[in-house]
Amino acid sequence: HATTFTSIVIPETANHLLSQLMFMFEYNVRHGTVIGIVGAGGIGYYINTYLKFLQYDKVLALLIIIFIVVVIIDMLSLLLRSFVTDEGDVRRPSWMKTIREAIFGSRNPSMKQ
């Protein structure tokens, strides 16, 4: 049974397992900060403490660090997933396109007013 598992099950599910693993890691990093702000500790604790003492420069520094870490994790996730996908290429929409669609909504060219 172990041979069947290692030769069939793992290769067939590797893409999904890696994708789920990376998603949960990203999720935990992002939400760990929020949970810390409400009292569970971690970097969110420091953000909350600095906010109480009106040390906004330190809060901004921590937020920038969190943003950079999340972007790096996201890029690594994208890179790792590109190695295991069948197409070998995983892309995300551009920032400008995403922002434009969020502000103006997606426009369907076939629906003219």
N, C-alpha and C. Protein backbone atom coordinates (compact mmCIF):
# COMPACT_ATOMS: atom_id res chain seq x y z
N HIS A 1 0.81 -1.19 0.00
CA HIS A 1 0.00 0.00 0.00
C HIS A 1 0.86 1.26 0.00
N ALA A 2 2.02 1.21 0.62
CA ALA A 2 2.89 2.38 0.66
C ALA A 2 3.42 2.70 -0.73
N THR A 3 3.69 1.67 -1.53
CA THR A 3 4.17 1.89 -2.89
C THR A 3 3.10 2.56 -3.74
N THR A 4 1.88 2.12 -3.60
CA THR A 4 0.77 2.73 -4.34
C THR A 4 0.63 4.20 -3.95
N PHE A 5 0.74 4.46 -2.68
CA PHE A 5 0.60 5.83 -2.19
C PHE A 5 1.70 6.74 -2.75
N THR A 6 2.95 6.27 -2.70
CA THR A 6 4.06 7.11 -3.16
C THR A 6 4.17 7.19 -4.67
N SER A 7 3.69 6.18 -5.38
CA SER A 7 3.85 6.20 -6.84
C SER A 7 2.62 6.73 -7.57
N ILE A 8 1.46 6.72 -6.94
CA ILE A 8 0.25 7.17 -7.62
C ILE A 8 -0.39 8.37 -6.94
N VAL A 9 -0.67 8.25 -5.66
CA VAL A 9 -1.44 9.29 -4.97
C VAL A 9 -0.67 10.60 -4.87
N ILE A 10 0.56 10.55 -4.42
CA ILE A 10 1.33 11.79 -4.24
C ILE A 10 1.58 12.50 -5.57
N PRO A 11 2.03 11.83 -6.63
CA PRO A 11 2.22 12.56 -7.89
C PRO A 11 0.94 13.17 -8.45
N GLU A 12 -0.18 12.48 -8.27
CA GLU A 12 -1.45 13.00 -8.80
C GLU A 12 -1.96 14.20 -8.03
N THR A 13 -1.66 14.26 -6.75
CA THR A 13 -2.19 15.34 -5.92
C THR A 13 -1.15 16.40 -5.54
N ALA A 14 0.05 16.30 -6.06
CA ALA A 14 1.12 17.22 -5.67
C ALA A 14 0.76 18.67 -5.95
N ASN A 15 0.18 18.95 -7.11
CA ASN A 15 -0.18 20.33 -7.46
C ASN A 15 -1.18 20.90 -6.46
N HIS A 16 -2.19 20.12 -6.15
CA HIS A 16 -3.22 20.59 -5.23
C HIS A 16 -2.69 20.73 -3.81
N LEU A 17 -1.86 19.79 -3.40
CA LEU A 17 -1.29 19.86 -2.05
C LEU A 17 -0.39 21.08 -1.89
N LEU A 18 0.47 21.33 -2.88
CA LEU A 18 1.35 22.49 -2.81
C LEU A 18 0.56 23.79 -2.85
N SER A 19 -0.43 23.84 -3.70
CA SER A 19 -1.26 25.03 -3.78
C SER A 19 -1.97 25.29 -2.46
N GLN A 20 -2.52 24.27 -1.85
CA GLN A 20 -3.21 24.42 -0.57
C GLN A 20 -2.23 24.80 0.54
N LEU A 21 -1.06 24.21 0.54
CA LEU A 21 -0.04 24.52 1.54
C LEU A 21 0.37 25.99 1.45
N MET A 22 0.63 26.48 0.25
CA MET A 22 1.03 27.87 0.07
C MET A 22 -0.10 28.82 0.44
N PHE A 23 -1.32 28.46 0.08
CA PHE A 23 -2.46 29.31 0.42
C PHE A 23 -2.61 29.44 1.93
N MET A 24 -2.51 28.33 2.64
CA MET A 24 -2.67 28.37 4.09
C MET A 24 -1.53 29.14 4.76
N PHE A 25 -0.32 29.03 4.21
CA PHE A 25 0.80 29.78 4.76
C PHE A 25 0.57 31.29 4.58
N GLU A 26 0.17 31.70 3.37
CA GLU A 26 -0.14 33.11 3.11
C GLU A 26 -1.26 33.58 4.03
N TYR A 27 -2.29 32.78 4.16
CA TYR A 27 -3.44 33.11 5.00
C TYR A 27 -3.00 33.32 6.46
N ASN A 28 -2.18 32.43 6.96
CA ASN A 28 -1.74 32.53 8.35
C ASN A 28 -0.88 33.76 8.59
N VAL A 29 -0.03 34.11 7.65
CA VAL A 29 0.80 35.30 7.80
C VAL A 29 -0.07 36.55 7.84
N ARG A 30 -1.01 36.64 6.93
CA ARG A 30 -1.87 37.83 6.86
C ARG A 30 -2.77 37.95 8.08
N HIS A 31 -3.38 36.87 8.47
CA HIS A 31 -4.34 36.94 9.56
C HIS A 31 -3.70 36.90 10.94
N GLY A 32 -2.46 36.45 11.01
CA GLY A 32 -1.75 36.50 12.28
C GLY A 32 -1.57 37.92 12.77
N THR A 33 -1.37 38.83 11.85
CA THR A 33 -1.24 40.24 12.21
C THR A 33 -2.54 40.78 12.78
N VAL A 34 -3.63 40.48 12.13
CA VAL A 34 -4.94 40.97 12.59
C VAL A 34 -5.27 40.40 13.96
N ILE A 35 -5.01 39.13 14.15
CA ILE A 35 -5.29 38.50 15.44
C ILE A 35 -4.42 39.11 16.53
N GLY A 36 -3.18 39.45 16.20
CA GLY A 36 -2.30 40.09 17.17
C GLY A 36 -2.79 41.46 17.59
N ILE A 37 -3.41 42.18 16.69
CA ILE A 37 -3.91 43.52 17.01
C ILE A 37 -5.02 43.43 18.06
N VAL A 38 -5.82 42.40 18.01
CA VAL A 38 -6.92 42.29 18.98
C VAL A 38 -6.50 41.58 20.27
N GLY A 39 -5.20 41.32 20.43
CA GLY A 39 -4.73 40.86 21.73
C GLY A 39 -4.07 39.50 21.79
N ALA A 40 -3.80 38.86 20.68
CA ALA A 40 -3.23 37.52 20.73
C ALA A 40 -1.70 37.51 20.70
N GLY A 41 -1.06 38.66 20.56
CA GLY A 41 0.39 38.71 20.54
C GLY A 41 0.95 38.81 19.14
N GLY A 42 2.25 38.64 19.03
CA GLY A 42 2.89 38.74 17.72
C GLY A 42 3.11 40.18 17.30
N ILE A 43 3.31 40.38 16.00
CA ILE A 43 3.58 41.73 15.50
C ILE A 43 2.38 42.64 15.67
N GLY A 44 1.19 42.08 15.66
CA GLY A 44 -0.01 42.88 15.90
C GLY A 44 -0.02 43.50 17.29
N TYR A 45 0.57 42.83 18.25
CA TYR A 45 0.67 43.37 19.61
C TYR A 45 1.48 44.66 19.60
N TYR A 46 2.59 44.65 18.86
CA TYR A 46 3.44 45.83 18.79
C TYR A 46 2.74 46.97 18.06
N ILE A 47 2.01 46.65 17.02
CA ILE A 47 1.25 47.69 16.31
C ILE A 47 0.25 48.33 17.27
N ASN A 48 -0.46 47.51 18.01
CA ASN A 48 -1.45 48.01 18.96
C ASN A 48 -0.79 48.86 20.05
N THR A 49 0.34 48.41 20.57
CA THR A 49 1.05 49.16 21.61
C THR A 49 1.52 50.51 21.09
N TYR A 50 2.11 50.52 19.90
CA TYR A 50 2.59 51.78 19.33
C TYR A 50 1.44 52.73 19.03
N LEU A 51 0.30 52.19 18.65
CA LEU A 51 -0.87 53.04 18.42
C LEU A 51 -1.34 53.69 19.72
N LYS A 52 -1.31 52.94 20.80
CA LYS A 52 -1.73 53.48 22.10
C LYS A 52 -0.84 54.64 22.55
N PHE A 53 0.46 54.53 22.24
CA PHE A 53 1.40 55.58 22.65
C PHE A 53 1.63 56.62 21.55
N LEU A 54 0.79 56.59 20.52
CA LEU A 54 0.83 57.56 19.42
C LEU A 54 2.18 57.60 18.70
N GLN A 55 2.82 56.45 18.58
CA GLN A 55 4.09 56.36 17.87
C GLN A 55 3.82 55.88 16.44
N TYR A 56 3.28 56.79 15.66
CA TYR A 56 2.82 56.45 14.32
C TYR A 56 3.96 56.11 13.37
N ASP A 57 5.15 56.65 13.62
CA ASP A 57 6.28 56.31 12.76
C ASP A 57 6.63 54.82 12.88
N LYS A 58 6.55 54.30 14.10
CA LYS A 58 6.83 52.87 14.30
C LYS A 58 5.71 52.00 13.74
N VAL A 59 4.47 52.47 13.86
CA VAL A 59 3.34 51.74 13.28
C VAL A 59 3.51 51.65 11.77
N LEU A 60 3.85 52.78 11.14
CA LEU A 60 4.04 52.79 9.70
C LEU A 60 5.18 51.86 9.29
N ALA A 61 6.27 51.87 10.05
CA ALA A 61 7.40 50.98 9.74
C ALA A 61 6.97 49.52 9.80
N LEU A 62 6.21 49.16 10.82
CA LEU A 62 5.74 47.77 10.93
C LEU A 62 4.79 47.41 9.80
N LEU A 63 3.91 48.33 9.42
CA LEU A 63 2.98 48.06 8.32
C LEU A 63 3.73 47.88 7.00
N ILE A 64 4.77 48.68 6.80
CA ILE A 64 5.58 48.52 5.58
C ILE A 64 6.28 47.17 5.58
N ILE A 65 6.81 46.78 6.73
CA ILE A 65 7.47 45.47 6.83
C ILE A 65 6.48 44.34 6.55
N ILE A 66 5.30 44.44 7.13
CA ILE A 66 4.27 43.41 6.89
C ILE A 66 3.93 43.35 5.41
N PHE A 67 3.74 44.51 4.79
CA PHE A 67 3.41 44.55 3.36
C PHE A 67 4.50 43.89 2.53
N ILE A 68 5.76 44.22 2.82
CA ILE A 68 6.87 43.65 2.06
C ILE A 68 6.93 42.13 2.25
N VAL A 69 6.75 41.67 3.47
CA VAL A 69 6.79 40.22 3.74
C VAL A 69 5.66 39.51 3.00
N VAL A 70 4.46 40.08 3.02
CA VAL A 70 3.33 39.46 2.33
C VAL A 70 3.57 39.43 0.82
N VAL A 71 4.12 40.50 0.26
CA VAL A 71 4.40 40.52 -1.18
C VAL A 71 5.46 39.48 -1.53
N ILE A 72 6.50 39.36 -0.72
CA ILE A 72 7.55 38.36 -0.98
C ILE A 72 6.97 36.95 -0.90
N ILE A 73 6.16 36.68 0.11
CA ILE A 73 5.54 35.36 0.23
C ILE A 73 4.65 35.08 -0.97
N ASP A 74 3.90 36.08 -1.39
CA ASP A 74 3.02 35.92 -2.54
C ASP A 74 3.82 35.62 -3.81
N MET A 75 4.94 36.32 -3.99
CA MET A 75 5.78 36.08 -5.17
C MET A 75 6.41 34.69 -5.13
N LEU A 76 6.86 34.27 -3.95
CA LEU A 76 7.42 32.92 -3.82
C LEU A 76 6.37 31.86 -4.08
N SER A 77 5.17 32.11 -3.60
CA SER A 77 4.07 31.18 -3.84
C SER A 77 3.79 31.07 -5.33
N LEU A 78 3.76 32.20 -6.00
CA LEU A 78 3.53 32.21 -7.44
C LEU A 78 4.63 31.45 -8.17
N LEU A 79 5.87 31.65 -7.76
CA LEU A 79 7.00 30.96 -8.37
C LEU A 79 6.92 29.46 -8.14
N LEU A 80 6.64 29.05 -6.91
CA LEU A 80 6.55 27.61 -6.61
C LEU A 80 5.42 26.95 -7.38
N ARG A 81 4.27 27.63 -7.45
CA ARG A 81 3.15 27.05 -8.17
C ARG A 81 3.42 26.96 -9.66
N SER A 82 4.24 27.85 -10.19
CA SER A 82 4.54 27.79 -11.63
C SER A 82 5.37 26.55 -11.97
N PHE A 83 6.11 26.02 -10.99
CA PHE A 83 6.90 24.82 -11.25
C PHE A 83 6.05 23.56 -11.31
N VAL A 84 4.91 23.56 -10.65
CA VAL A 84 4.12 22.34 -10.59
C VAL A 84 2.86 22.37 -11.44
N THR A 85 2.56 23.49 -12.07
CA THR A 85 1.38 23.51 -12.94
C THR A 85 1.70 22.85 -14.26
N ASP A 86 0.68 22.37 -14.91
CA ASP A 86 0.87 21.70 -16.19
C ASP A 86 1.38 22.67 -17.25
N GLU A 87 0.89 23.90 -17.22
CA GLU A 87 1.30 24.88 -18.21
C GLU A 87 2.67 25.47 -17.88
N GLY A 88 3.07 25.42 -16.62
CA GLY A 88 4.34 25.98 -16.21
C GLY A 88 4.31 27.48 -16.08
N ASP A 89 3.13 28.07 -16.15
CA ASP A 89 3.03 29.52 -16.09
C ASP A 89 1.80 29.90 -15.28
N VAL A 90 2.01 30.62 -14.22
CA VAL A 90 0.92 31.10 -13.40
C VAL A 90 1.01 32.62 -13.40
N ARG A 91 -0.06 33.27 -13.78
CA ARG A 91 -0.05 34.73 -13.84
C ARG A 91 -1.18 35.31 -13.03
N ARG A 92 -0.95 36.51 -12.57
CA ARG A 92 -1.97 37.26 -11.87
C ARG A 92 -2.28 38.50 -12.69
N PRO A 93 -3.47 39.05 -12.52
CA PRO A 93 -3.77 40.29 -13.24
C PRO A 93 -2.87 41.42 -12.76
N SER A 94 -2.62 42.36 -13.65
CA SER A 94 -1.75 43.48 -13.28
C SER A 94 -2.42 44.33 -12.21
N TRP A 95 -1.60 45.04 -11.44
CA TRP A 95 -2.12 45.91 -10.38
C TRP A 95 -3.03 46.98 -10.96
N MET A 96 -2.60 47.60 -12.04
CA MET A 96 -3.39 48.69 -12.62
C MET A 96 -4.74 48.19 -13.10
N LYS A 97 -4.76 47.04 -13.73
CA LYS A 97 -6.02 46.48 -14.22
C LYS A 97 -6.95 46.16 -13.05
N THR A 98 -6.40 45.58 -11.99
CA THR A 98 -7.20 45.24 -10.82
C THR A 98 -7.77 46.49 -10.16
N ILE A 99 -6.94 47.52 -10.01
CA ILE A 99 -7.40 48.77 -9.40
C ILE A 99 -8.45 49.44 -10.27
N ARG A 100 -8.21 49.47 -11.58
CA ARG A 100 -9.16 50.09 -12.50
C ARG A 100 -10.51 49.38 -12.44
N GLU A 101 -10.51 48.05 -12.41
CA GLU A 101 -11.76 47.30 -12.34
C GLU A 101 -12.45 47.49 -10.99
N ALA A 102 -11.66 47.65 -9.93
CA ALA A 102 -12.26 47.87 -8.61
C ALA A 102 -12.94 49.23 -8.54
N ILE A 103 -12.34 50.23 -9.18
CA ILE A 103 -12.90 51.58 -9.13
C ILE A 103 -14.06 51.74 -10.10
N PHE A 104 -13.83 51.35 -11.34
CA PHE A 104 -14.82 51.60 -12.39
C PHE A 104 -15.70 50.40 -12.69
N GLY A 105 -15.37 49.25 -12.15
CA GLY A 105 -16.11 48.04 -12.46
C GLY A 105 -15.63 47.47 -13.79
N SER A 106 -15.88 46.19 -13.99
CA SER A 106 -15.47 45.59 -15.26
C SER A 106 -16.46 46.01 -16.33
N ARG A 107 -15.94 46.41 -17.43
CA ARG A 107 -16.77 46.90 -18.53
C ARG A 107 -16.88 45.81 -19.59
N ASN A 108 -18.09 45.56 -19.99
CA ASN A 108 -18.34 44.59 -21.04
C ASN A 108 -18.55 45.36 -22.33
N PRO A 109 -17.63 45.23 -23.31
CA PRO A 109 -17.73 46.03 -24.53
C PRO A 109 -18.98 45.73 -25.36
N SER A 110 -19.60 44.58 -25.16
CA SER A 110 -20.79 44.25 -25.95
C SER A 110 -22.03 44.98 -25.44
N MET A 111 -21.96 45.54 -24.23
CA MET A 111 -23.11 46.24 -23.66
C MET A 111 -22.90 47.75 -23.80
N LYS A 112 -23.31 48.31 -24.92
CA LYS A 112 -23.15 49.74 -25.16
C LYS A 112 -24.38 50.48 -24.66
N GLN A 113 -24.13 51.66 -24.11
CA GLN A 113 -25.25 52.47 -23.59
C GLN A 113 -25.51 53.64 -24.48
